[in-house]
Amino acid sequence: MNTPYIRQYVQEREITAWFLLDLTPSMDFGSVHTQRMKRTVLIDFVATLARLLTRHGNRVGAVFFGNRIERTIPPRGGRIQVLRLVNELLTQPSIRRAPLTNLTPLLESALYAIKRRSLVFIVSDFISEPGWERPLRLLTRRHDVVAVRMWDPRESDMPDVGPIMLEDAETGEQLYVDTHDAQFRGRFREAARRREAGLGEAFRRAGVDALSLSTEEDLVRAIVRFATQRRQRRR
């Protein structure tokens, strides 16, 4: 009874989360089977994560990017903030044509704009001109960064549907190809494989965790799997 006891209070710090959102034309590509665009998956992801975070007293904000900063929504907490984010995304018009995507301005703007250490989700298909790797590494030094890559199976494996006209979603450039040609489909798969490997290497060098979301995959299942793997790596 003569031993003094000191009660210590440990205050949990709220998390500030930012969503850096790629809304360039290539994000309006998606699966013919599920009718889900990459942009649709992006909106579902933001809605799900924002709700989970704000339920625990955290704040969320977002930056909309369409080859320039279209809109910035300052971080706030609460259900109203989640509804605002989703509504702004649903009403944000699609960009019909644009120059080739360059994610560098988006990442550089985050470097200067986000002062407090935050949890940063970069949600993109990462179809971009090179150069974004350096600001990504710098962003990782200041914040906890997660790269959320949106993709569609048709971007990695061209189906055999005969002669078709391909059109670049961003520039509008068209190219006639014959998908009956097995060699063409092989070159297409190899180019996709090299791009996938290059992205993986860029993420590893930057030290970011990467979550891959397909237009044909169950979103909640993918998030749970990623969270479990992330938690195990950090033990």
Foldseek 3Di string as FASTA:
>chain_A
DPDDDDDDDDDDDAAEEEEEEEQEQQQQDADPVVPFGNLNLVLVVLLVVLVVRLVVPHWYWYFYDHLATPDTGDIDHDPVVSVVVSVCSVPDDHDQAAPFAACQNSLVVCLPPVDAAHEYEYEEQPRGDPDNLVSLLVNVVRYQYEYEHEDEPCQQAPDQPAWDWDADRHHRDIDIDGSVDPVVRVVSNVVSVVVVVVVVVSCVVSVHHYQYDYSPDDSVVSVVVSVVVVVVVVD
